[in-house]
PDB file of N, CA and C in Angstrom:
ATOM      1  N   UNK A   1     -31.188-174.195  10.069  1.00  0.00           N
ATOM      2  CA  UNK A   1     -29.693-173.652  10.079  1.00  0.00           C
ATOM      3  C   UNK A   1     -28.873-173.308   8.813  1.00  0.00           C
ATOM      4  N   UNK A   2     -28.200-172.255   9.022  1.00  0.00           N
ATOM      5  CA  UNK A   2     -27.556-171.935   7.607  1.00  0.00           C
ATOM      6  C   UNK A   2     -26.046-172.377   7.371  1.00  0.00           C
ATOM      7  N   UNK A   3     -26.160-173.141   6.257  1.00  0.00           N
ATOM      8  CA  UNK A   3     -24.963-173.819   5.841  1.00  0.00           C
ATOM      9  C   UNK A   3     -24.594-173.545   4.174  1.00  0.00           C
ATOM     10  N   UNK A   4     -23.450-173.762   3.797  1.00  0.00           N
ATOM     11  CA  UNK A   4     -23.089-173.754   2.586  1.00  0.00           C
ATOM     12  C   UNK A   4     -24.143-174.571   1.679  1.00  0.00           C
ATOM     13  N   UNK A   5     -24.398-175.656   1.910  1.00  0.00           N
ATOM     14  CA  UNK A   5     -25.340-176.375   1.138  1.00  0.00           C
ATOM     15  C   UNK A   5     -26.835-175.970   1.227  1.00  0.00           C
ATOM     16  N   UNK A   6     -27.169-175.219   2.167  1.00  0.00           N
ATOM     17  CA  UNK A   6     -28.631-174.689   2.317  1.00  0.00           C
ATOM     18  C   UNK A   6     -28.724-173.482   1.213  1.00  0.00           C
ATOM     19  N   UNK A   7     -27.417-172.767   1.067  1.00  0.00           N
ATOM     20  CA  UNK A   7     -27.265-171.704   0.378  1.00  0.00           C
ATOM     21  C   UNK A   7     -27.288-172.274  -1.318  1.00  0.00           C
ATOM     22  N   UNK A   8     -26.530-173.225  -1.576  1.00  0.00           N
ATOM     23  CA  UNK A   8     -26.693-173.802  -2.774  1.00  0.00           C
ATOM     24  C   UNK A   8     -28.016-174.294  -3.452  1.00  0.00           C
ATOM     25  N   UNK A   9     -28.889-174.450  -2.660  1.00  0.00           N
ATOM     26  CA  UNK A   9     -30.263-174.781  -3.109  1.00  0.00           C
ATOM     27  C   UNK A   9     -30.899-173.548  -4.096  1.00  0.00           C
ATOM     28  N   UNK A  10     -30.402-172.246  -3.923  1.00  0.00           N
ATOM     29  CA  UNK A  10     -31.048-171.274  -4.552  1.00  0.00           C
ATOM     30  C   UNK A  10     -30.259-170.919  -5.922  1.00  0.00           C
ATOM     31  N   UNK A  11     -30.855-171.049  -6.853  1.00  0.00           N
ATOM     32  CA  UNK A  11     -30.376-170.996  -8.329  1.00  0.00           C
ATOM     33  C   UNK A  11     -31.148-169.871  -9.387  1.00  0.00           C
ATOM     34  N   UNK A  12     -31.941-169.489  -8.716  1.00  0.00           N
ATOM     35  CA  UNK A  12     -32.767-168.226  -9.236  1.00  0.00           C
ATOM     36  C   UNK A  12     -33.570-167.516  -8.218  1.00  0.00           C
ATOM     37  N   UNK A  13     -34.464-166.770  -8.473  1.00  0.00           N
ATOM     38  CA  UNK A  13     -35.462-166.161  -7.458  1.00  0.00           C
ATOM     39  C   UNK A  13     -36.702-165.893  -8.209  1.00  0.00           C
ATOM     40  N   UNK A  14     -37.751-166.211  -7.315  1.00  0.00           N
ATOM     41  CA  UNK A  14     -38.946-165.759  -7.566  1.00  0.00           C
ATOM     42  C   UNK A  14     -39.612-164.379  -7.147  1.00  0.00           C
ATOM     43  N   UNK A  15     -39.065-163.864  -6.279  1.00  0.00           N
ATOM     44  CA  UNK A  15     -39.585-162.618  -5.591  1.00  0.00           C
ATOM     45  C   UNK A  15     -38.087-161.913  -5.310  1.00  0.00           C
ATOM     46  N   UNK A  16     -38.426-160.547  -5.635  1.00  0.00           N
ATOM     47  CA  UNK A  16     -37.337-159.631  -5.084  1.00  0.00           C
ATOM     48  C   UNK A  16     -37.879-158.704  -3.752  1.00  0.00           C
ATOM     49  N   UNK A  17     -36.930-158.688  -2.859  1.00  0.00           N
ATOM     50  CA  UNK A  17     -37.460-157.812  -1.625  1.00  0.00           C
ATOM     51  C   UNK A  17     -36.424-156.564  -1.614  1.00  0.00           C
ATOM     52  N   UNK A  18     -37.324-155.524  -1.439  1.00  0.00           N
ATOM     53  CA  UNK A  18     -36.745-154.307  -1.309  1.00  0.00           C
ATOM     54  C   UNK A  18     -35.873-154.182  -0.260  1.00  0.00           C
ATOM     55  N   UNK A  19     -34.805-153.201  -0.426  1.00  0.00           N
ATOM     56  CA  UNK A  19     -34.068-153.143   0.764  1.00  0.00           C
ATOM     57  C   UNK A  19     -33.570-151.691   0.683  1.00  0.00           C
ATOM     58  N   UNK A  20     -32.419-151.366   1.556  1.00  0.00           N
ATOM     59  CA  UNK A  20     -32.027-149.999   1.741  1.00  0.00           C
ATOM     60  C   UNK A  20     -31.290-149.367   0.508  1.00  0.00           C
ATOM     61  N   UNK A  21     -31.318-148.139   0.558  1.00  0.00           N
ATOM     62  CA  UNK A  21     -30.594-147.542  -0.863  1.00  0.00           C
ATOM     63  C   UNK A  21     -30.930-147.959  -2.071  1.00  0.00           C
ATOM     64  N   UNK A  22     -32.362-148.450  -2.380  1.00  0.00           N
ATOM     65  CA  UNK A  22     -32.808-149.025  -3.451  1.00  0.00           C
ATOM     66  C   UNK A  22     -32.336-150.253  -4.042  1.00  0.00           C
ATOM     67  N   UNK A  23     -31.462-150.995  -3.027  1.00  0.00           N
ATOM     68  CA  UNK A  23     -31.016-152.298  -3.497  1.00  0.00           C
ATOM     69  C   UNK A  23     -32.375-153.405  -3.480  1.00  0.00           C
ATOM     70  N   UNK A  24     -32.278-154.478  -4.044  1.00  0.00           N
ATOM     71  CA  UNK A  24     -33.045-155.433  -3.851  1.00  0.00           C
ATOM     72  C   UNK A  24     -32.359-156.766  -3.451  1.00  0.00           C
ATOM     73  N   UNK A  25     -33.017-157.692  -2.838  1.00  0.00           N
ATOM     74  CA  UNK A  25     -32.616-158.917  -2.545  1.00  0.00           C
ATOM     75  C   UNK A  25     -33.088-159.897  -3.025  1.00  0.00           C
ATOM     76  N   UNK A  26     -32.411-161.132  -3.410  1.00  0.00           N
ATOM     77  CA  UNK A  26     -33.146-162.178  -4.015  1.00  0.00           C
ATOM     78  C   UNK A  26     -33.837-163.106  -2.798  1.00  0.00           C
ATOM     79  N   UNK A  27     -34.264-164.141  -3.362  1.00  0.00           N
ATOM     80  CA  UNK A  27     -34.729-165.209  -2.230  1.00  0.00           C
ATOM     81  C   UNK A  27     -33.751-165.757  -1.638  1.00  0.00           C
ATOM     82  N   UNK A  28     -32.697-166.147  -2.150  1.00  0.00           N
ATOM     83  CA  UNK A  28     -31.344-166.525  -1.512  1.00  0.00           C
ATOM     84  C   UNK A  28     -30.785-165.911  -0.578  1.00  0.00           C
ATOM     85  N   UNK A  29     -30.596-164.556  -0.964  1.00  0.00           N
ATOM     86  CA  UNK A  29     -30.054-163.355  -0.006  1.00  0.00           C
ATOM     87  C   UNK A  29     -31.102-163.144   1.007  1.00  0.00           C
ATOM     88  N   UNK A  30     -32.055-163.177   1.066  1.00  0.00           N
ATOM     89  CA  UNK A  30     -33.054-162.926   2.034  1.00  0.00           C
ATOM     90  C   UNK A  30     -33.115-164.134   3.119  1.00  0.00           C
ATOM     91  N   UNK A  31     -33.236-165.421   2.566  1.00  0.00           N
ATOM     92  CA  UNK A  31     -32.714-166.658   3.251  1.00  0.00           C
ATOM     93  C   UNK A  31     -31.472-166.447   4.239  1.00  0.00           C
ATOM     94  N   UNK A  32     -30.494-166.049   3.529  1.00  0.00           N
ATOM     95  CA  UNK A  32     -29.148-165.814   4.064  1.00  0.00           C
ATOM     96  C   UNK A  32     -29.548-165.019   5.469  1.00  0.00           C
ATOM     97  N   UNK A  33     -29.683-163.826   5.229  1.00  0.00           N
ATOM     98  CA  UNK A  33     -29.986-162.723   6.121  1.00  0.00           C
ATOM     99  C   UNK A  33     -31.149-163.299   7.220  1.00  0.00           C
ATOM    100  N   UNK A  34     -32.001-163.726   7.035  1.00  0.00           N
ATOM    101  CA  UNK A  34     -33.000-164.475   7.988  1.00  0.00           C
ATOM    102  C   UNK A  34     -32.341-165.624   8.889  1.00  0.00           C
ATOM    103  N   UNK A  35     -31.868-166.408   8.011  1.00  0.00           N
ATOM    104  CA  UNK A  35     -31.394-167.560   8.882  1.00  0.00           C
ATOM    105  C   UNK A  35     -29.893-167.507   9.342  1.00  0.00           C
ATOM    106  N   UNK A  36     -29.545-166.633   8.808  1.00  0.00           N
ATOM    107  CA  UNK A  36     -27.749-166.378   9.153  1.00  0.00           C
ATOM    108  C   UNK A  36     -27.673-165.084  10.251  1.00  0.00           C
ATOM    109  N   UNK A  37     -28.958-164.359  10.313  1.00  0.00           N
ATOM    110  CA  UNK A  37     -29.155-163.150  11.129  1.00  0.00           C
ATOM    111  C   UNK A  37     -28.091-162.049  10.784  1.00  0.00           C
ATOM    112  N   UNK A  38     -27.725-161.962   9.567  1.00  0.00           N
ATOM    113  CA  UNK A  38     -26.901-161.013   9.156  1.00  0.00           C
ATOM    114  C   UNK A  38     -27.480-159.929   8.288  1.00  0.00           C
ATOM    115  N   UNK A  39     -28.626-159.430   8.467  1.00  0.00           N
ATOM    116  CA  UNK A  39     -28.886-158.071   7.830  1.00  0.00           C
ATOM    117  C   UNK A  39     -27.865-156.893   8.198  1.00  0.00           C
ATOM    118  N   UNK A  40     -26.921-157.209   9.206  1.00  0.00           N
ATOM    119  CA  UNK A  40     -25.872-156.307   9.157  1.00  0.00           C
ATOM    120  C   UNK A  40     -25.004-156.044   8.138  1.00  0.00           C
ATOM    121  N   UNK A  41     -24.558-157.371   7.494  1.00  0.00           N
ATOM    122  CA  UNK A  41     -23.713-157.286   6.111  1.00  0.00           C
ATOM    123  C   UNK A  41     -24.695-156.942   5.249  1.00  0.00           C
ATOM    124  N   UNK A  42     -25.804-157.005   4.945  1.00  0.00           N
ATOM    125  CA  UNK A  42     -26.522-156.078   3.980  1.00  0.00           C
ATOM    126  C   UNK A  42     -26.292-154.722   4.536  1.00  0.00           C
ATOM    127  N   UNK A  43     -26.565-154.152   5.527  1.00  0.00           N
ATOM    128  CA  UNK A  43     -26.580-152.886   5.761  1.00  0.00           C
ATOM    129  C   UNK A  43     -25.016-152.187   5.356  1.00  0.00           C
ATOM    130  N   UNK A  44     -24.058-153.070   5.562  1.00  0.00           N
ATOM    131  CA  UNK A  44     -22.823-152.678   5.321  1.00  0.00           C
ATOM    132  C   UNK A  44     -22.625-152.506   3.585  1.00  0.00           C
ATOM    133  N   UNK A  45     -23.088-153.371   2.994  1.00  0.00           N
ATOM    134  CA  UNK A  45     -23.303-153.340   1.578  1.00  0.00           C
ATOM    135  C   UNK A  45     -23.776-151.900   1.209  1.00  0.00           C
ATOM    136  N   UNK A  46     -25.353-151.953   1.824  1.00  0.00           N
ATOM    137  CA  UNK A  46     -26.126-150.599   1.475  1.00  0.00           C
ATOM    138  C   UNK A  46     -25.147-149.358   1.786  1.00  0.00           C
ATOM    139  N   UNK A  47     -24.648-149.162   2.753  1.00  0.00           N
ATOM    140  CA  UNK A  47     -23.797-148.157   3.130  1.00  0.00           C
ATOM    141  C   UNK A  47     -23.035-147.682   2.154  1.00  0.00           C
ATOM    142  N   UNK A  48     -22.230-148.478   1.222  1.00  0.00           N
ATOM    143  CA  UNK A  48     -21.178-147.851   0.601  1.00  0.00           C
ATOM    144  C   UNK A  48     -22.004-147.917  -0.774  1.00  0.00           C
ATOM    145  N   UNK A  49     -23.092-148.087  -1.055  1.00  0.00           N
ATOM    146  CA  UNK A  49     -23.714-147.977  -2.622  1.00  0.00           C
ATOM    147  C   UNK A  49     -23.593-146.341  -2.979  1.00  0.00           C
ATOM    148  N   UNK A  50     -23.972-145.418  -2.030  1.00  0.00           N
ATOM    149  CA  UNK A  50     -23.851-144.003  -2.606  1.00  0.00           C
ATOM    150  C   UNK A  50     -22.380-143.712  -3.150  1.00  0.00           C
ATOM    151  N   UNK A  51     -21.433-144.145  -2.818  1.00  0.00           N
ATOM    152  CA  UNK A  51     -20.098-144.190  -3.247  1.00  0.00           C
ATOM    153  C   UNK A  51     -19.598-144.799  -4.304  1.00  0.00           C
ATOM    154  N   UNK A  52     -20.109-146.111  -4.316  1.00  0.00           N
ATOM    155  CA  UNK A  52     -19.869-147.010  -5.296  1.00  0.00           C
ATOM    156  C   UNK A  52     -20.688-147.382  -6.416  1.00  0.00           C
ATOM    157  N   UNK A  53     -21.986-146.723  -6.484  1.00  0.00           N
ATOM    158  CA  UNK A  53     -23.201-147.104  -7.243  1.00  0.00           C
ATOM    159  C   UNK A  53     -22.836-147.367  -8.640  1.00  0.00           C
ATOM    160  N   UNK A  54     -21.609-146.544  -9.081  1.00  0.00           N
ATOM    161  CA  UNK A  54     -21.370-146.603 -10.702  1.00  0.00           C
ATOM    162  C   UNK A  54     -20.576-147.878 -11.070  1.00  0.00           C
ATOM    163  N   UNK A  55     -20.143-148.674  -9.933  1.00  0.00           N
ATOM    164  CA  UNK A  55     -19.470-149.918 -10.009  1.00  0.00           C
ATOM    165  C   UNK A  55     -20.638-150.819 -10.610  1.00  0.00           C
ATOM    166  N   UNK A  56     -20.730-151.296 -11.778  1.00  0.00           N
ATOM    167  CA  UNK A  56     -21.897-152.017 -12.272  1.00  0.00           C
ATOM    168  C   UNK A  56     -22.259-153.530 -11.695  1.00  0.00           C
ATOM    169  N   UNK A  57     -20.680-154.190 -11.630  1.00  0.00           N
ATOM    170  CA  UNK A  57     -20.638-155.505 -10.980  1.00  0.00           C
ATOM    171  C   UNK A  57     -19.836-155.240  -9.708  1.00  0.00           C
ATOM    172  N   UNK A  58     -20.061-155.731  -8.576  1.00  0.00           N
ATOM    173  CA  UNK A  58     -19.446-155.552  -7.329  1.00  0.00           C
ATOM    174  C   UNK A  58     -19.311-157.225  -6.809  1.00  0.00           C
ATOM    175  N   UNK A  59     -18.395-157.519  -6.283  1.00  0.00           N
ATOM    176  CA  UNK A  59     -18.057-158.781  -5.672  1.00  0.00           C
ATOM    177  C   UNK A  59     -17.697-158.594  -4.354  1.00  0.00           C
ATOM    178  N   UNK A  60     -18.638-159.036  -3.370  1.00  0.00           N
ATOM    179  CA  UNK A  60     -18.379-158.956  -2.149  1.00  0.00           C
ATOM    180  C   UNK A  60     -17.920-160.027  -1.210  1.00  0.00           C
ATOM    181  N   UNK A  61     -17.152-160.034  -0.338  1.00  0.00           N
ATOM    182  CA  UNK A  61     -16.424-161.333   0.178  1.00  0.00           C
ATOM    183  C   UNK A  61     -16.432-161.062   1.759  1.00  0.00           C
ATOM    184  N   UNK A  62     -16.840-162.015   2.345  1.00  0.00           N
ATOM    185  CA  UNK A  62     -16.858-161.907   3.852  1.00  0.00           C
ATOM    186  C   UNK A  62     -15.816-163.103   4.322  1.00  0.00           C
ATOM    187  N   UNK A  63     -14.788-162.829   4.904  1.00  0.00           N
ATOM    188  CA  UNK A  63     -13.733-163.844   5.551  1.00  0.00           C
ATOM    189  C   UNK A  63     -13.736-163.658   6.932  1.00  0.00           C
ATOM    190  N   UNK A  64     -14.117-164.924   7.528  1.00  0.00           N
ATOM    191  CA  UNK A  64     -13.597-164.947   9.029  1.00  0.00           C
ATOM    192  C   UNK A  64     -12.334-164.927   9.278  1.00  0.00           C
ATOM    193  N   UNK A  65     -11.950-164.353  10.490  1.00  0.00           N
ATOM    194  CA  UNK A  65     -10.639-164.285  11.062  1.00  0.00           C
ATOM    195  C   UNK A  65     -10.701-164.597  12.455  1.00  0.00           C
ATOM    196  N   UNK A  66     -10.212-165.854  12.792  1.00  0.00           N
ATOM    197  CA  UNK A  66     -10.337-166.342  14.125  1.00  0.00           C
ATOM    198  C   UNK A  66      -9.224-165.658  14.843  1.00  0.00           C
ATOM    199  N   UNK A  67      -9.464-165.098  16.168  1.00  0.00           N
ATOM    200  CA  UNK A  67      -8.678-164.303  17.011  1.00  0.00           C
ATOM    201  C   UNK A  67      -8.937-164.835  18.292  1.00  0.00           C
ATOM    202  N   UNK A  68      -8.006-165.785  18.841  1.00  0.00           N
ATOM    203  CA  UNK A  68      -7.857-166.275  20.179  1.00  0.00           C
ATOM    204  C   UNK A  68      -9.495-166.880  20.437  1.00  0.00           C
ATOM    205  N   UNK A  69     -10.306-166.253  21.228  1.00  0.00           N
ATOM    206  CA  UNK A  69     -11.348-166.770  21.587  1.00  0.00           C
ATOM    207  C   UNK A  69     -12.619-166.069  20.836  1.00  0.00           C
ATOM    208  N   UNK A  70     -12.428-165.253  19.942  1.00  0.00           N
ATOM    209  CA  UNK A  70     -13.505-164.665  19.288  1.00  0.00           C
ATOM    210  C   UNK A  70     -13.351-164.571  17.630  1.00  0.00           C
ATOM    211  N   UNK A  71     -14.398-164.367  16.821  1.00  0.00           N
ATOM    212  CA  UNK A  71     -14.270-164.429  15.482  1.00  0.00           C
ATOM    213  C   UNK A  71     -14.523-162.957  14.881  1.00  0.00           C
ATOM    214  N   UNK A  72     -13.598-162.690  14.350  1.00  0.00           N
ATOM    215  CA  UNK A  72     -13.864-161.268  13.699  1.00  0.00           C
ATOM    216  C   UNK A  72     -14.315-161.472  11.908  1.00  0.00           C
ATOM    217  N   UNK A  73     -14.618-160.500  11.357  1.00  0.00           N
ATOM    218  CA  UNK A  73     -14.887-160.692  10.009  1.00  0.00           C
ATOM    219  C   UNK A  73     -14.365-159.560   9.248  1.00  0.00           C
ATOM    220  N   UNK A  74     -13.741-159.786   7.905  1.00  0.00           N
ATOM    221  CA  UNK A  74     -13.527-158.852   7.124  1.00  0.00           C
ATOM    222  C   UNK A  74     -14.274-158.725   5.728  1.00  0.00           C
ATOM    223  N   UNK A  75     -14.736-157.550   5.643  1.00  0.00           N
ATOM    224  CA  UNK A  75     -15.728-157.613   4.246  1.00  0.00           C
ATOM    225  C   UNK A  75     -14.847-156.746   3.303  1.00  0.00           C
ATOM    226  N   UNK A  76     -14.850-157.192   2.238  1.00  0.00           N
ATOM    227  CA  UNK A  76     -14.227-156.357   1.046  1.00  0.00           C
ATOM    228  C   UNK A  76     -15.222-156.423  -0.171  1.00  0.00           C
ATOM    229  N   UNK A  77     -14.662-155.488  -1.000  1.00  0.00           N
ATOM    230  CA  UNK A  77     -15.564-155.421  -2.249  1.00  0.00           C
ATOM    231  C   UNK A  77     -14.669-154.835  -3.404  1.00  0.00           C
ATOM    232  N   UNK A  78     -14.875-155.715  -4.494  1.00  0.00           N
ATOM    233  CA  UNK A  78     -13.911-155.422  -5.625  1.00  0.00           C
ATOM    234  C   UNK A  78     -14.924-155.434  -6.886  1.00  0.00           C
ATOM    235  N   UNK A  79     -14.333-154.810  -7.918  1.00  0.00           N
ATOM    236  CA  UNK A  79     -15.152-154.955  -9.313  1.00  0.00           C
ATOM    237  C   UNK A  79     -15.190-156.388  -9.909  1.00  0.00           C
ATOM    238  N   UNK A  80     -14.031-157.168  -9.524  1.00  0.00           N
ATOM    239  CA  UNK A  80     -14.054-158.388  -9.949  1.00  0.00           C
ATOM    240  C   UNK A  80     -12.827-159.392  -9.403  1.00  0.00           C
ATOM    241  N   UNK A  81     -12.885-160.313  -9.456  1.00  0.00           N
ATOM    242  CA  UNK A  81     -11.672-161.401  -8.992  1.00  0.00           C
ATOM    243  C   UNK A  81     -10.409-160.831  -9.500  1.00  0.00           C
ATOM    244  N   UNK A  82      -9.489-160.823  -8.736  1.00  0.00           N
ATOM    245  CA  UNK A  82      -8.081-160.290  -9.174  1.00  0.00           C
ATOM    246  C   UNK A  82      -8.171-158.860  -9.035  1.00  0.00           C
ATOM    247  N   UNK A  83      -8.858-158.122  -8.813  1.00  0.00           N
ATOM    248  CA  UNK A  83      -9.022-156.590  -8.770  1.00  0.00           C
ATOM    249  C   UNK A  83      -8.623-156.270  -7.478  1.00  0.00           C
ATOM    250  N   UNK A  84      -8.073-154.797  -7.286  1.00  0.00           N
ATOM    251  CA  UNK A  84      -7.897-154.291  -6.015  1.00  0.00           C
ATOM    252  C   UNK A  84      -8.996-154.150  -5.448  1.00  0.00           C
ATOM    253  N   UNK A  85      -8.975-154.373  -3.801  1.00  0.00           N
ATOM    254  CA  UNK A  85     -10.288-154.405  -3.138  1.00  0.00           C
ATOM    255  C   UNK A  85     -10.696-152.438  -3.114  1.00  0.00           C
ATOM    256  N   UNK A  86     -11.925-152.382  -3.297  1.00  0.00           N
ATOM    257  CA  UNK A  86     -12.354-150.833  -3.242  1.00  0.00           C
ATOM    258  C   UNK A  86     -12.808-150.641  -1.846  1.00  0.00           C
ATOM    259  N   UNK A  87     -13.226-151.333  -1.266  1.00  0.00           N
ATOM    260  CA  UNK A  87     -13.825-151.482   0.212  1.00  0.00           C
ATOM    261  C   UNK A  87     -13.264-152.525   1.032  1.00  0.00           C
ATOM    262  N   UNK A  88     -12.786-152.237   1.978  1.00  0.00           N
ATOM    263  CA  UNK A  88     -12.375-153.283   3.151  1.00  0.00           C
ATOM    264  C   UNK A  88     -12.572-152.599   4.583  1.00  0.00           C
ATOM    265  N   UNK A  89     -13.642-153.526   5.289  1.00  0.00           N
ATOM    266  CA  UNK A  89     -14.048-153.165   6.571  1.00  0.00           C
ATOM    267  C   UNK A  89     -13.766-154.391   7.432  1.00  0.00           C
ATOM    268  N   UNK A  90     -13.481-153.967   8.600  1.00  0.00           N
ATOM    269  CA  UNK A  90     -13.262-155.333   9.681  1.00  0.00           C
ATOM    270  C   UNK A  90     -14.400-155.080  10.762  1.00  0.00           C
ATOM    271  N   UNK A  91     -14.667-156.054  11.114  1.00  0.00           N
ATOM    272  CA  UNK A  91     -15.973-156.144  11.880  1.00  0.00           C
ATOM    273  C   UNK A  91     -14.987-156.963  13.185  1.00  0.00           C
ATOM    274  N   UNK A  92     -15.047-156.429  14.460  1.00  0.00           N
ATOM    275  CA  UNK A  92     -14.386-157.052  15.479  1.00  0.00           C
ATOM    276  C   UNK A  92     -14.765-158.413  16.019  1.00  0.00           C
ATOM    277  N   UNK A  93     -15.951-158.325  15.936  1.00  0.00           N
ATOM    278  CA  UNK A  93     -16.742-159.729  16.514  1.00  0.00           C
ATOM    279  C   UNK A  93     -18.046-159.865  15.583  1.00  0.00           C
ATOM    280  N   UNK A  94     -17.997-161.463  15.171  1.00  0.00           N
ATOM    281  CA  UNK A  94     -19.430-161.780  14.744  1.00  0.00           C
ATOM    282  C   UNK A  94     -19.719-163.349  14.919  1.00  0.00           C
ATOM    283  N   UNK A  95     -20.759-163.546  15.170  1.00  0.00           N
ATOM    284  CA  UNK A  95     -21.407-164.822  15.162  1.00  0.00           C
ATOM    285  C   UNK A  95     -21.846-165.637  14.196  1.00  0.00           C
ATOM    286  N   UNK A  96     -21.494-165.023  12.999  1.00  0.00           N
ATOM    287  CA  UNK A  96     -21.869-165.389  11.600  1.00  0.00           C
ATOM    288  C   UNK A  96     -21.445-167.102  11.531  1.00  0.00           C
ATOM    289  N   UNK A  97     -22.346-167.763  11.154  1.00  0.00           N
ATOM    290  CA  UNK A  97     -21.974-169.479  11.058  1.00  0.00           C
ATOM    291  C   UNK A  97     -21.090-169.900   9.970  1.00  0.00           C
ATOM    292  N   UNK A  98     -20.876-169.139   9.036  1.00  0.00           N
ATOM    293  CA  UNK A  98     -20.060-169.468   7.894  1.00  0.00           C
ATOM    294  C   UNK A  98     -18.639-168.848   8.023  1.00  0.00           C
ATOM    295  N   UNK A  99     -17.608-169.737   7.614  1.00  0.00           N
ATOM    296  CA  UNK A  99     -16.341-168.968   7.551  1.00  0.00           C
ATOM    297  C   UNK A  99     -15.856-168.066   6.081  1.00  0.00           C
ATOM    298  N   UNK A 100     -16.892-168.259   5.142  1.00  0.00           N
ATOM    299  CA  UNK A 100     -16.499-167.489   3.983  1.00  0.00           C
ATOM    300  C   UNK A 100     -17.856-167.513   3.275  1.00  0.00           C
ATOM    301  N   UNK A 101     -18.125-165.961   2.498  1.00  0.00           N
ATOM    302  CA  UNK A 101     -19.103-165.950   1.946  1.00  0.00           C
ATOM    303  C   UNK A 101     -18.899-165.109   0.793  1.00  0.00           C
ATOM    304  N   UNK A 102     -19.293-165.191  -0.372  1.00  0.00           N
ATOM    305  CA  UNK A 102     -19.303-164.431  -1.649  1.00  0.00           C
ATOM    306  C   UNK A 102     -20.630-164.033  -2.317  1.00  0.00           C
ATOM    307  N   UNK A 103     -20.767-162.727  -2.150  1.00  0.00           N
ATOM    308  CA  UNK A 103     -22.078-162.127  -2.949  1.00  0.00           C
ATOM    309  C   UNK A 103     -21.695-161.325  -4.013  1.00  0.00           C
ATOM    310  N   UNK A 104     -22.733-161.173  -4.902  1.00  0.00           N
ATOM    311  CA  UNK A 104     -22.715-160.102  -6.188  1.00  0.00           C
ATOM    312  C   UNK A 104     -23.694-159.059  -5.688  1.00  0.00           C
ATOM    313  N   UNK A 105     -23.403-158.007  -6.311  1.00  0.00           N
ATOM    314  CA  UNK A 105     -24.229-156.837  -6.517  1.00  0.00           C
ATOM    315  C   UNK A 105     -24.273-156.424  -7.861  1.00  0.00           C
ATOM    316  N   UNK A 106     -25.432-156.790  -8.602  1.00  0.00           N
ATOM    317  CA  UNK A 106     -25.572-156.244 -10.200  1.00  0.00           C
ATOM    318  C   UNK A 106     -26.818-155.563 -10.140  1.00  0.00           C
ATOM    319  N   UNK A 107     -26.497-154.318 -10.826  1.00  0.00           N
ATOM    320  CA  UNK A 107     -27.951-153.501 -11.193  1.00  0.00           C
ATOM    321  C   UNK A 107     -28.614-153.405 -10.087  1.00  0.00           C
ATOM    322  N   UNK A 108     -27.943-153.160  -8.745  1.00  0.00           N
ATOM    323  CA  UNK A 108     -28.759-152.853  -7.339  1.00  0.00           C
ATOM    324  C   UNK A 108     -29.454-154.161  -7.114  1.00  0.00           C
ATOM    325  N   UNK A 109     -29.042-155.251  -7.364  1.00  0.00           N
ATOM    326  CA  UNK A 109     -29.664-156.529  -6.841  1.00  0.00           C
ATOM    327  C   UNK A 109     -28.617-157.237  -6.029  1.00  0.00           C
ATOM    328  N   UNK A 110     -28.814-157.526  -4.910  1.00  0.00           N
ATOM    329  CA  UNK A 110     -27.733-158.521  -4.216  1.00  0.00           C
ATOM    330  C   UNK A 110     -28.181-160.094  -4.152  1.00  0.00           C
ATOM    331  N   UNK A 111     -27.109-160.911  -4.805  1.00  0.00           N
ATOM    332  CA  UNK A 111     -27.659-162.035  -4.963  1.00  0.00           C
ATOM    333  C   UNK A 111     -26.434-163.115  -4.472  1.00  0.00           C
ATOM    334  N   UNK A 112     -26.913-164.162  -4.456  1.00  0.00           N
ATOM    335  CA  UNK A 112     -25.811-165.410  -4.110  1.00  0.00           C
ATOM    336  C   UNK A 112     -25.103-165.660  -5.436  1.00  0.00           C
ATOM    337  N   UNK A 113     -23.825-166.101  -5.292  1.00  0.00           N
ATOM    338  CA  UNK A 113     -23.174-166.847  -6.464  1.00  0.00           C
ATOM    339  C   UNK A 113     -23.931-167.720  -7.285  1.00  0.00           C
ATOM    340  N   UNK A 114     -24.437-168.499  -6.470  1.00  0.00           N
ATOM    341  CA  UNK A 114     -25.533-169.672  -7.201  1.00  0.00           C
ATOM    342  C   UNK A 114     -26.624-168.991  -7.933  1.00  0.00           C
ATOM    343  N   UNK A 115     -27.236-167.987  -7.691  1.00  0.00           N
ATOM    344  CA  UNK A 115     -28.252-167.077  -8.316  1.00  0.00           C
ATOM    345  C   UNK A 115     -27.820-166.428  -9.604  1.00  0.00           C
ATOM    346  N   UNK A 116     -26.583-166.247 -10.212  1.00  0.00           N
ATOM    347  CA  UNK A 116     -26.203-165.425 -10.936  1.00  0.00           C
ATOM    348  C   UNK A 116     -26.282-166.063 -12.423  1.00  0.00           C
TER     349      UNK A 116
END
């Protein structure tokens, strides 16, 4: 089961997994996508790479917004903490198990913050 604690065990990677748009995933991100059933999130990140490939450090955040009886997700990307969001996309429904997630994209590698 995917939990914040299960993600914290990843502090580096032994293998890189090829992904869309020339991106690579670390062990932790591969675990996240598999256990959290959120390859859709990685697809969103990949879909913005052609437009934002020149941004060398990307901070991606997923925030869950509880609406009545459903969970929506808001995904943002910025160049760094405190900077203006360059990407913001709302997903009207998700069953993603965490309320918040932060990922980095550095040199075309998607990684957990604990793997940085």
